PDB file of N, CA and C in Angstrom:
ATOM      1  N   UNK A   1      -3.269 -20.351  13.744  1.00  0.00           N
ATOM      2  CA  UNK A   1      -2.455 -19.421  14.489  1.00  0.00           C
ATOM      3  C   UNK A   1      -1.291 -20.163  15.129  1.00  0.00           C
ATOM      4  N   UNK A   2      -0.155 -19.546  15.172  1.00  0.00           N
ATOM      5  CA  UNK A   2       1.035 -20.162  15.740  1.00  0.00           C
ATOM      6  C   UNK A   2       1.183 -19.790  17.205  1.00  0.00           C
ATOM      7  N   UNK A   3       1.496 -20.759  18.032  1.00  0.00           N
ATOM      8  CA  UNK A   3       1.786 -20.464  19.428  1.00  0.00           C
ATOM      9  C   UNK A   3       3.233 -20.012  19.572  1.00  0.00           C
ATOM     10  N   UNK A   4       4.110 -20.707  18.893  1.00  0.00           N
ATOM     11  CA  UNK A   4       5.509 -20.294  18.776  1.00  0.00           C
ATOM     12  C   UNK A   4       5.857 -20.439  17.310  1.00  0.00           C
ATOM     13  N   UNK A   5       7.110 -20.441  17.000  1.00  0.00           N
ATOM     14  CA  UNK A   5       7.495 -20.546  15.598  1.00  0.00           C
ATOM     15  C   UNK A   5       7.245 -21.966  15.105  1.00  0.00           C
ATOM     16  N   UNK A   6       6.324 -22.116  14.162  1.00  0.00           N
ATOM     17  CA  UNK A   6       6.023 -23.415  13.574  1.00  0.00           C
ATOM     18  C   UNK A   6       5.820 -23.260  12.086  1.00  0.00           C
ATOM     19  N   UNK A   7       5.923 -24.368  11.374  1.00  0.00           N
ATOM     20  CA  UNK A   7       5.725 -24.353   9.933  1.00  0.00           C
ATOM     21  C   UNK A   7       4.239 -24.459   9.632  1.00  0.00           C
ATOM     22  N   UNK A   8       3.764 -23.663   8.657  1.00  0.00           N
ATOM     23  CA  UNK A   8       2.358 -23.654   8.283  1.00  0.00           C
ATOM     24  C   UNK A   8       2.252 -23.922   6.799  1.00  0.00           C
ATOM     25  N   UNK A   9       2.240 -25.149   6.390  1.00  0.00           N
ATOM     26  CA  UNK A   9       2.172 -25.441   4.967  1.00  0.00           C
ATOM     27  C   UNK A   9       3.562 -25.396   4.358  1.00  0.00           C
ATOM     28  N   UNK A  10       3.629 -25.697   3.092  1.00  0.00           N
ATOM     29  CA  UNK A  10       4.902 -25.798   2.407  1.00  0.00           C
ATOM     30  C   UNK A  10       5.529 -24.428   2.176  1.00  0.00           C
ATOM     31  N   UNK A  11       6.659 -24.180   2.806  1.00  0.00           N
ATOM     32  CA  UNK A  11       7.402 -22.949   2.602  1.00  0.00           C
ATOM     33  C   UNK A  11       6.906 -21.747   3.386  1.00  0.00           C
ATOM     34  N   UNK A  12       5.715 -21.790   3.933  1.00  0.00           N
ATOM     35  CA  UNK A  12       5.172 -20.640   4.668  1.00  0.00           C
ATOM     36  C   UNK A  12       5.664 -20.693   6.104  1.00  0.00           C
ATOM     37  N   UNK A  13       5.850 -19.538   6.700  1.00  0.00           N
ATOM     38  CA  UNK A  13       6.312 -19.469   8.071  1.00  0.00           C
ATOM     39  C   UNK A  13       5.457 -18.478   8.850  1.00  0.00           C
ATOM     40  N   UNK A  14       5.395 -18.658  10.147  1.00  0.00           N
ATOM     41  CA  UNK A  14       4.721 -17.716  11.038  1.00  0.00           C
ATOM     42  C   UNK A  14       5.760 -17.070  11.922  1.00  0.00           C
ATOM     43  N   UNK A  15       5.534 -15.840  12.261  1.00  0.00           N
ATOM     44  CA  UNK A  15       6.389 -15.205  13.251  1.00  0.00           C
ATOM     45  C   UNK A  15       5.894 -15.624  14.619  1.00  0.00           C
ATOM     46  N   UNK A  16       6.620 -15.255  15.653  1.00  0.00           N
ATOM     47  CA  UNK A  16       6.207 -15.645  16.999  1.00  0.00           C
ATOM     48  C   UNK A  16       4.880 -15.009  17.374  1.00  0.00           C
ATOM     49  N   UNK A  17       4.513 -13.912  16.733  1.00  0.00           N
ATOM     50  CA  UNK A  17       3.227 -13.284  17.013  1.00  0.00           C
ATOM     51  C   UNK A  17       2.083 -14.026  16.327  1.00  0.00           C
ATOM     52  N   UNK A  18       2.392 -15.005  15.466  1.00  0.00           N
ATOM     53  CA  UNK A  18       1.367 -15.820  14.845  1.00  0.00           C
ATOM     54  C   UNK A  18       0.899 -15.322  13.496  1.00  0.00           C
ATOM     55  N   UNK A  19       1.613 -14.408  12.860  1.00  0.00           N
ATOM     56  CA  UNK A  19       1.199 -13.959  11.535  1.00  0.00           C
ATOM     57  C   UNK A  19       2.322 -14.184  10.528  1.00  0.00           C
ATOM     58  N   UNK A  20       1.946 -14.341   9.296  1.00  0.00           N
ATOM     59  CA  UNK A  20       2.913 -14.578   8.235  1.00  0.00           C
ATOM     60  C   UNK A  20       3.278 -13.249   7.600  1.00  0.00           C
ATOM     61  N   UNK A  21       4.555 -12.942   7.523  1.00  0.00           N
ATOM     62  CA  UNK A  21       5.016 -11.706   6.896  1.00  0.00           C
ATOM     63  C   UNK A  21       5.470 -12.000   5.465  1.00  0.00           C
ATOM     64  N   UNK A  22       6.358 -12.953   5.297  1.00  0.00           N
ATOM     65  CA  UNK A  22       6.884 -13.279   3.973  1.00  0.00           C
ATOM     66  C   UNK A  22       7.386 -14.715   3.983  1.00  0.00           C
ATOM     67  N   UNK A  23       7.497 -15.287   2.816  1.00  0.00           N
ATOM     68  CA  UNK A  23       8.049 -16.621   2.684  1.00  0.00           C
ATOM     69  C   UNK A  23       9.112 -16.585   1.589  1.00  0.00           C
ATOM     70  N   UNK A  24       9.826 -17.670   1.423  1.00  0.00           N
ATOM     71  CA  UNK A  24      10.882 -17.751   0.419  1.00  0.00           C
ATOM     72  C   UNK A  24      10.301 -17.428  -0.958  1.00  0.00           C
ATOM     73  N   UNK A  25      10.983 -16.538  -1.686  1.00  0.00           N
ATOM     74  CA  UNK A  25      10.538 -16.137  -3.015  1.00  0.00           C
ATOM     75  C   UNK A  25       9.746 -14.841  -3.037  1.00  0.00           C
ATOM     76  N   UNK A  26       9.349 -14.339  -1.883  1.00  0.00           N
ATOM     77  CA  UNK A  26       8.578 -13.100  -1.795  1.00  0.00           C
ATOM     78  C   UNK A  26       9.462 -11.901  -2.129  1.00  0.00           C
ATOM     79  N   UNK A  27       8.937 -10.972  -2.940  1.00  0.00           N
ATOM     80  CA  UNK A  27       9.635  -9.718  -3.231  1.00  0.00           C
ATOM     81  C   UNK A  27       9.306  -8.730  -2.123  1.00  0.00           C
ATOM     82  N   UNK A  28      10.336  -8.041  -1.627  1.00  0.00           N
ATOM     83  CA  UNK A  28      10.140  -7.084  -0.544  1.00  0.00           C
ATOM     84  C   UNK A  28      10.794  -5.748  -0.887  1.00  0.00           C
ATOM     85  N   UNK A  29      10.386  -4.708  -0.161  1.00  0.00           N
ATOM     86  CA  UNK A  29      11.001  -3.390  -0.290  1.00  0.00           C
ATOM     87  C   UNK A  29      11.353  -2.915   1.118  1.00  0.00           C
ATOM     88  N   UNK A  30      12.609  -2.506   1.296  1.00  0.00           N
ATOM     89  CA  UNK A  30      13.096  -2.080   2.606  1.00  0.00           C
ATOM     90  C   UNK A  30      12.490  -0.732   2.967  1.00  0.00           C
ATOM     91  N   UNK A  31      12.001  -0.625   4.206  1.00  0.00           N
ATOM     92  CA  UNK A  31      11.436   0.632   4.708  1.00  0.00           C
ATOM     93  C   UNK A  31      12.569   1.560   5.148  1.00  0.00           C
ATOM     94  N   UNK A  32      12.298   2.862   5.037  1.00  0.00           N
ATOM     95  CA  UNK A  32      13.170   3.889   5.598  1.00  0.00           C
ATOM     96  C   UNK A  32      14.652   3.669   5.438  1.00  0.00           C
ATOM     97  N   UNK A  33      15.455   4.543   6.005  1.00  0.00           N
ATOM     98  CA  UNK A  33      16.900   4.353   5.917  1.00  0.00           C
ATOM     99  C   UNK A  33      17.341   3.176   6.785  1.00  0.00           C
ATOM    100  N   UNK A  34      18.205   2.350   6.227  1.00  0.00           N
ATOM    101  CA  UNK A  34      18.739   1.198   6.940  1.00  0.00           C
ATOM    102  C   UNK A  34      20.173   0.995   6.457  1.00  0.00           C
ATOM    103  N   UNK A  35      21.124   1.308   7.307  1.00  0.00           N
ATOM    104  CA  UNK A  35      22.535   1.239   6.945  1.00  0.00           C
ATOM    105  C   UNK A  35      23.072  -0.161   7.211  1.00  0.00           C
ATOM    106  N   UNK A  36      23.797  -0.715   6.216  1.00  0.00           N
ATOM    107  CA  UNK A  36      24.508  -1.985   6.390  1.00  0.00           C
ATOM    108  C   UNK A  36      25.988  -1.730   6.114  1.00  0.00           C
ATOM    109  N   UNK A  37      26.824  -2.583   6.671  1.00  0.00           N
ATOM    110  CA  UNK A  37      28.267  -2.381   6.585  1.00  0.00           C
ATOM    111  C   UNK A  37      28.994  -3.558   5.942  1.00  0.00           C
ATOM    112  N   UNK A  38      28.285  -4.422   5.244  1.00  0.00           N
ATOM    113  CA  UNK A  38      28.910  -5.625   4.709  1.00  0.00           C
ATOM    114  C   UNK A  38      28.783  -5.772   3.195  1.00  0.00           C
ATOM    115  N   UNK A  39      28.412  -4.727   2.489  1.00  0.00           N
ATOM    116  CA  UNK A  39      28.312  -4.795   1.032  1.00  0.00           C
ATOM    117  C   UNK A  39      29.727  -4.759   0.463  1.00  0.00           C
ATOM    118  N   UNK A  40      30.052  -5.669  -0.459  1.00  0.00           N
ATOM    119  CA  UNK A  40      31.421  -5.734  -0.995  1.00  0.00           C
ATOM    120  C   UNK A  40      31.900  -4.391  -1.556  1.00  0.00           C
ATOM    121  N   UNK A  41      33.068  -3.960  -1.113  1.00  0.00           N
ATOM    122  CA  UNK A  41      33.760  -2.761  -1.592  1.00  0.00           C
ATOM    123  C   UNK A  41      33.047  -1.450  -1.280  1.00  0.00           C
ATOM    124  N   UNK A  42      32.041  -1.480  -0.403  1.00  0.00           N
ATOM    125  CA  UNK A  42      31.355  -0.259   0.024  1.00  0.00           C
ATOM    126  C   UNK A  42      31.346  -0.286   1.560  1.00  0.00           C
ATOM    127  N   UNK A  43      32.042   0.644   2.214  1.00  0.00           N
ATOM    128  CA  UNK A  43      32.145   0.562   3.673  1.00  0.00           C
ATOM    129  C   UNK A  43      30.832   0.780   4.426  1.00  0.00           C
ATOM    130  N   UNK A  44      29.935   1.607   3.882  1.00  0.00           N
ATOM    131  CA  UNK A  44      28.673   1.932   4.552  1.00  0.00           C
ATOM    132  C   UNK A  44      27.641   2.167   3.459  1.00  0.00           C
ATOM    133  N   UNK A  45      26.516   1.428   3.500  1.00  0.00           N
ATOM    134  CA  UNK A  45      25.551   1.489   2.406  1.00  0.00           C
ATOM    135  C   UNK A  45      24.131   1.507   2.958  1.00  0.00           C
ATOM    136  N   UNK A  46      23.315   2.441   2.479  1.00  0.00           N
ATOM    137  CA  UNK A  46      21.910   2.554   2.891  1.00  0.00           C
ATOM    138  C   UNK A  46      21.054   1.730   1.939  1.00  0.00           C
ATOM    139  N   UNK A  47      20.407   0.687   2.465  1.00  0.00           N
ATOM    140  CA  UNK A  47      19.559  -0.163   1.619  1.00  0.00           C
ATOM    141  C   UNK A  47      18.094   0.260   1.670  1.00  0.00           C
ATOM    142  N   UNK A  48      17.798   1.372   2.324  1.00  0.00           N
ATOM    143  CA  UNK A  48      16.426   1.882   2.391  1.00  0.00           C
ATOM    144  C   UNK A  48      15.860   2.097   0.994  1.00  0.00           C
ATOM    145  N   UNK A  49      14.677   1.558   0.727  1.00  0.00           N
ATOM    146  CA  UNK A  49      14.022   1.706  -0.564  1.00  0.00           C
ATOM    147  C   UNK A  49      14.390   0.648  -1.585  1.00  0.00           C
ATOM    148  N   UNK A  50      15.411  -0.164  -1.322  1.00  0.00           N
ATOM    149  CA  UNK A  50      15.796  -1.210  -2.269  1.00  0.00           C
ATOM    150  C   UNK A  50      14.795  -2.359  -2.232  1.00  0.00           C
ATOM    151  N   UNK A  51      14.647  -3.022  -3.372  1.00  0.00           N
ATOM    152  CA  UNK A  51      13.813  -4.219  -3.452  1.00  0.00           C
ATOM    153  C   UNK A  51      14.710  -5.439  -3.531  1.00  0.00           C
ATOM    154  N   UNK A  52      14.276  -6.504  -2.892  1.00  0.00           N
ATOM    155  CA  UNK A  52      15.024  -7.747  -2.901  1.00  0.00           C
ATOM    156  C   UNK A  52      14.078  -8.932  -2.832  1.00  0.00           C
ATOM    157  N   UNK A  53      14.663 -10.112  -2.737  1.00  0.00           N
ATOM    158  CA  UNK A  53      13.882 -11.349  -2.691  1.00  0.00           C
ATOM    159  C   UNK A  53      14.268 -12.147  -1.458  1.00  0.00           C
ATOM    160  N   UNK A  54      13.258 -12.614  -0.723  1.00  0.00           N
ATOM    161  CA  UNK A  54      13.506 -13.440   0.453  1.00  0.00           C
ATOM    162  C   UNK A  54      14.047 -14.791  -0.014  1.00  0.00           C
ATOM    163  N   UNK A  55      15.225 -15.153   0.487  1.00  0.00           N
ATOM    164  CA  UNK A  55      15.865 -16.415   0.115  1.00  0.00           C
ATOM    165  C   UNK A  55      15.748 -17.474   1.202  1.00  0.00           C
ATOM    166  N   UNK A  56      15.547 -17.037   2.446  1.00  0.00           N
ATOM    167  CA  UNK A  56      15.424 -17.991   3.540  1.00  0.00           C
ATOM    168  C   UNK A  56      14.688 -17.326   4.702  1.00  0.00           C
ATOM    169  N   UNK A  57      13.911 -18.116   5.424  1.00  0.00           N
ATOM    170  CA  UNK A  57      13.217 -17.654   6.618  1.00  0.00           C
ATOM    171  C   UNK A  57      13.570 -18.640   7.721  1.00  0.00           C
ATOM    172  N   UNK A  58      14.154 -18.124   8.796  1.00  0.00           N
ATOM    173  CA  UNK A  58      14.678 -19.009   9.828  1.00  0.00           C
ATOM    174  C   UNK A  58      13.918 -18.807  11.137  1.00  0.00           C
ATOM    175  N   UNK A  59      12.938 -19.679  11.369  1.00  0.00           N
ATOM    176  CA  UNK A  59      12.221 -19.709  12.632  1.00  0.00           C
ATOM    177  C   UNK A  59      12.451 -21.046  13.327  1.00  0.00           C
ATOM    178  N   UNK A  60      12.993 -22.023  12.573  1.00  0.00           N
ATOM    179  CA  UNK A  60      13.244 -23.348  13.114  1.00  0.00           C
ATOM    180  C   UNK A  60      14.610 -23.842  12.658  1.00  0.00           C
ATOM    181  N   UNK A  61      15.228 -24.663  13.500  1.00  0.00           N
ATOM    182  CA  UNK A  61      16.459 -25.344  13.139  1.00  0.00           C
ATOM    183  C   UNK A  61      16.344 -26.767  13.640  1.00  0.00           C
ATOM    184  N   UNK A  62      16.389 -27.696  12.713  1.00  0.00           N
ATOM    185  CA  UNK A  62      16.232 -29.113  13.043  1.00  0.00           C
ATOM    186  C   UNK A  62      14.947 -29.380  13.813  1.00  0.00           C
ATOM    187  N   UNK A  63      13.865 -28.681  13.394  1.00  0.00           N
ATOM    188  CA  UNK A  63      12.556 -28.910  13.987  1.00  0.00           C
ATOM    189  C   UNK A  63      12.302 -28.218  15.315  1.00  0.00           C
ATOM    190  N   UNK A  64      13.283 -27.466  15.791  1.00  0.00           N
ATOM    191  CA  UNK A  64      13.116 -26.768  17.065  1.00  0.00           C
ATOM    192  C   UNK A  64      13.055 -25.268  16.838  1.00  0.00           C
ATOM    193  N   UNK A  65      12.213 -24.562  17.582  1.00  0.00           N
ATOM    194  CA  UNK A  65      12.116 -23.112  17.431  1.00  0.00           C
ATOM    195  C   UNK A  65      13.429 -22.416  17.790  1.00  0.00           C
ATOM    196  N   UNK A  66      13.754 -21.392  17.015  1.00  0.00           N
ATOM    197  CA  UNK A  66      14.910 -20.556  17.326  1.00  0.00           C
ATOM    198  C   UNK A  66      14.427 -19.122  17.492  1.00  0.00           C
ATOM    199  N   UNK A  67      15.193 -18.345  18.190  1.00  0.00           N
ATOM    200  CA  UNK A  67      14.798 -16.956  18.399  1.00  0.00           C
ATOM    201  C   UNK A  67      15.684 -16.046  17.556  1.00  0.00           C
ATOM    202  N   UNK A  68      15.657 -16.252  16.266  1.00  0.00           N
ATOM    203  CA  UNK A  68      16.464 -15.437  15.359  1.00  0.00           C
ATOM    204  C   UNK A  68      15.992 -13.987  15.427  1.00  0.00           C
ATOM    205  N   UNK A  69      16.906 -13.070  15.672  1.00  0.00           N
ATOM    206  CA  UNK A  69      16.562 -11.663  15.760  1.00  0.00           C
ATOM    207  C   UNK A  69      16.199 -11.107  14.382  1.00  0.00           C
ATOM    208  N   UNK A  70      16.907 -11.562  13.360  1.00  0.00           N
ATOM    209  CA  UNK A  70      16.674 -11.123  11.986  1.00  0.00           C
ATOM    210  C   UNK A  70      16.432 -12.370  11.123  1.00  0.00           C
ATOM    211  N   UNK A  71      15.215 -12.915  11.138  1.00  0.00           N
ATOM    212  CA  UNK A  71      14.965 -14.216  10.520  1.00  0.00           C
ATOM    213  C   UNK A  71      14.860 -14.232   8.992  1.00  0.00           C
ATOM    214  N   UNK A  72      14.749 -13.075   8.346  1.00  0.00           N
ATOM    215  CA  UNK A  72      14.555 -13.048   6.894  1.00  0.00           C
ATOM    216  C   UNK A  72      15.873 -12.768   6.183  1.00  0.00           C
ATOM    217  N   UNK A  73      16.369 -13.746   5.424  1.00  0.00           N
ATOM    218  CA  UNK A  73      17.588 -13.567   4.634  1.00  0.00           C
ATOM    219  C   UNK A  73      17.150 -13.096   3.248  1.00  0.00           C
ATOM    220  N   UNK A  74      17.548 -11.874   2.878  1.00  0.00           N
ATOM    221  CA  UNK A  74      17.084 -11.245   1.646  1.00  0.00           C
ATOM    222  C   UNK A  74      18.268 -11.005   0.712  1.00  0.00           C
ATOM    223  N   UNK A  75      18.080 -11.358  -0.561  1.00  0.00           N
ATOM    224  CA  UNK A  75      19.116 -11.127  -1.577  1.00  0.00           C
ATOM    225  C   UNK A  75      18.800  -9.852  -2.343  1.00  0.00           C
ATOM    226  N   UNK A  76      19.806  -9.012  -2.509  1.00  0.00           N
ATOM    227  CA  UNK A  76      19.694  -7.787  -3.286  1.00  0.00           C
ATOM    228  C   UNK A  76      20.651  -7.862  -4.462  1.00  0.00           C
ATOM    229  N   UNK A  77      20.193  -7.401  -5.628  1.00  0.00           N
ATOM    230  CA  UNK A  77      21.026  -7.281  -6.823  1.00  0.00           C
ATOM    231  C   UNK A  77      20.947  -5.825  -7.253  1.00  0.00           C
ATOM    232  N   UNK A  78      22.085  -5.133  -7.220  1.00  0.00           N
ATOM    233  CA  UNK A  78      22.078  -3.711  -7.569  1.00  0.00           C
ATOM    234  C   UNK A  78      23.183  -3.416  -8.571  1.00  0.00           C
ATOM    235  N   UNK A  79      23.020  -2.307  -9.280  1.00  0.00           N
ATOM    236  CA  UNK A  79      24.067  -1.781 -10.141  1.00  0.00           C
ATOM    237  C   UNK A  79      24.554  -0.502  -9.518  1.00  0.00           C
ATOM    238  N   UNK A  80      25.852  -0.419  -9.322  1.00  0.00           N
ATOM    239  CA  UNK A  80      26.444   0.746  -8.682  1.00  0.00           C
ATOM    240  C   UNK A  80      27.742   1.079  -9.395  1.00  0.00           C
ATOM    241  N   UNK A  81      27.808   2.280  -9.960  1.00  0.00           N
ATOM    242  CA  UNK A  81      28.995   2.717 -10.687  1.00  0.00           C
ATOM    243  C   UNK A  81      29.423   1.700 -11.743  1.00  0.00           C
ATOM    244  N   UNK A  82      28.504   1.305 -12.587  1.00  0.00           N
ATOM    245  CA  UNK A  82      28.742   0.380 -13.700  1.00  0.00           C
ATOM    246  C   UNK A  82      29.219  -1.009 -13.285  1.00  0.00           C
ATOM    247  N   UNK A  83      28.902  -1.416 -12.079  1.00  0.00           N
ATOM    248  CA  UNK A  83      29.196  -2.794 -11.692  1.00  0.00           C
ATOM    249  C   UNK A  83      27.980  -3.374 -10.980  1.00  0.00           C
ATOM    250  N   UNK A  84      27.805  -4.652 -11.167  1.00  0.00           N
ATOM    251  CA  UNK A  84      26.676  -5.336 -10.547  1.00  0.00           C
ATOM    252  C   UNK A  84      27.128  -5.967  -9.240  1.00  0.00           C
ATOM    253  N   UNK A  85      26.334  -5.733  -8.206  1.00  0.00           N
ATOM    254  CA  UNK A  85      26.624  -6.300  -6.899  1.00  0.00           C
ATOM    255  C   UNK A  85      25.468  -7.168  -6.438  1.00  0.00           C
ATOM    256  N   UNK A  86      25.816  -8.316  -5.872  1.00  0.00           N
ATOM    257  CA  UNK A  86      24.823  -9.193  -5.265  1.00  0.00           C
ATOM    258  C   UNK A  86      25.249  -9.373  -3.815  1.00  0.00           C
ATOM    259  N   UNK A  87      24.326  -9.116  -2.895  1.00  0.00           N
ATOM    260  CA  UNK A  87      24.641  -9.299  -1.491  1.00  0.00           C
ATOM    261  C   UNK A  87      23.376  -9.681  -0.735  1.00  0.00           C
ATOM    262  N   UNK A  88      23.566 -10.171   0.467  1.00  0.00           N
ATOM    263  CA  UNK A  88      22.469 -10.592   1.327  1.00  0.00           C
ATOM    264  C   UNK A  88      22.435  -9.716   2.575  1.00  0.00           C
ATOM    265  N   UNK A  89      21.244  -9.547   3.113  1.00  0.00           N
ATOM    266  CA  UNK A  89      21.071  -8.873   4.396  1.00  0.00           C
ATOM    267  C   UNK A  89      20.023  -9.642   5.179  1.00  0.00           C
ATOM    268  N   UNK A  90      20.212  -9.711   6.475  1.00  0.00           N
ATOM    269  CA  UNK A  90      19.234 -10.343   7.351  1.00  0.00           C
ATOM    270  C   UNK A  90      18.365  -9.244   7.952  1.00  0.00           C
ATOM    271  N   UNK A  91      17.043  -9.376   7.766  1.00  0.00           N
ATOM    272  CA  UNK A  91      16.108  -8.343   8.200  1.00  0.00           C
ATOM    273  C   UNK A  91      15.073  -8.929   9.157  1.00  0.00           C
ATOM    274  N   UNK A  92      14.469  -8.054   9.948  1.00  0.00           N
ATOM    275  CA  UNK A  92      13.327  -8.473  10.760  1.00  0.00           C
ATOM    276  C   UNK A  92      12.064  -7.952  10.091  1.00  0.00           C
ATOM    277  N   UNK A  93      10.905  -8.470  10.480  1.00  0.00           N
ATOM    278  CA  UNK A  93       9.681  -8.218   9.726  1.00  0.00           C
ATOM    279  C   UNK A  93       9.200  -6.772   9.746  1.00  0.00           C
ATOM    280  N   UNK A  94       9.658  -5.939  10.665  1.00  0.00           N
ATOM    281  CA  UNK A  94       9.215  -4.541  10.643  1.00  0.00           C
ATOM    282  C   UNK A  94      10.149  -3.630   9.824  1.00  0.00           C
ATOM    283  N   UNK A  95      11.137  -4.232   9.156  1.00  0.00           N
ATOM    284  CA  UNK A  95      12.073  -3.443   8.344  1.00  0.00           C
ATOM    285  C   UNK A  95      11.744  -3.466   6.859  1.00  0.00           C
ATOM    286  N   UNK A  96      10.681  -4.170   6.456  1.00  0.00           N
ATOM    287  CA  UNK A  96      10.334  -4.229   5.044  1.00  0.00           C
ATOM    288  C   UNK A  96       8.833  -4.385   4.840  1.00  0.00           C
ATOM    289  N   UNK A  97       8.407  -4.080   3.604  1.00  0.00           N
ATOM    290  CA  UNK A  97       7.032  -4.300   3.164  1.00  0.00           C
ATOM    291  C   UNK A  97       7.069  -5.293   2.021  1.00  0.00           C
ATOM    292  N   UNK A  98       6.030  -6.109   1.907  1.00  0.00           N
ATOM    293  CA  UNK A  98       5.906  -7.046   0.803  1.00  0.00           C
ATOM    294  C   UNK A  98       5.472  -6.284  -0.436  1.00  0.00           C
ATOM    295  N   UNK A  99       6.136  -6.559  -1.572  1.00  0.00           N
ATOM    296  CA  UNK A  99       5.802  -5.918  -2.853  1.00  0.00           C
ATOM    297  C   UNK A  99       4.812  -6.820  -3.570  1.00  0.00           C
ATOM    298  N   UNK A 100       3.712  -6.232  -4.012  1.00  0.00           N
ATOM    299  CA  UNK A 100       2.678  -7.026  -4.707  1.00  0.00           C
ATOM    300  C   UNK A 100       3.095  -7.396  -6.099  1.00  0.00           C
TER     301      UNK A 100
END
């Protein structure tokens, strides 16, 4: 169990509550409607229901705990109007479910 944000094995991370939600490489699915405003060429985009891959989990920086509000960096690859878009979103652990 983690007291604060610490590393638990290779690549695995714990949240401050002491449980592991996802690690790098985990496939996730975004819960409910979640609007983002930084997708290239789309002013407002709902990523609710999209699946992506965790690319980074930030609970530590240079060995010290950080209080990242949205610690999971997730990459999404989508096709929209005959073009492929790749973008990242930073999520917190209650905004997604792990896909088996």
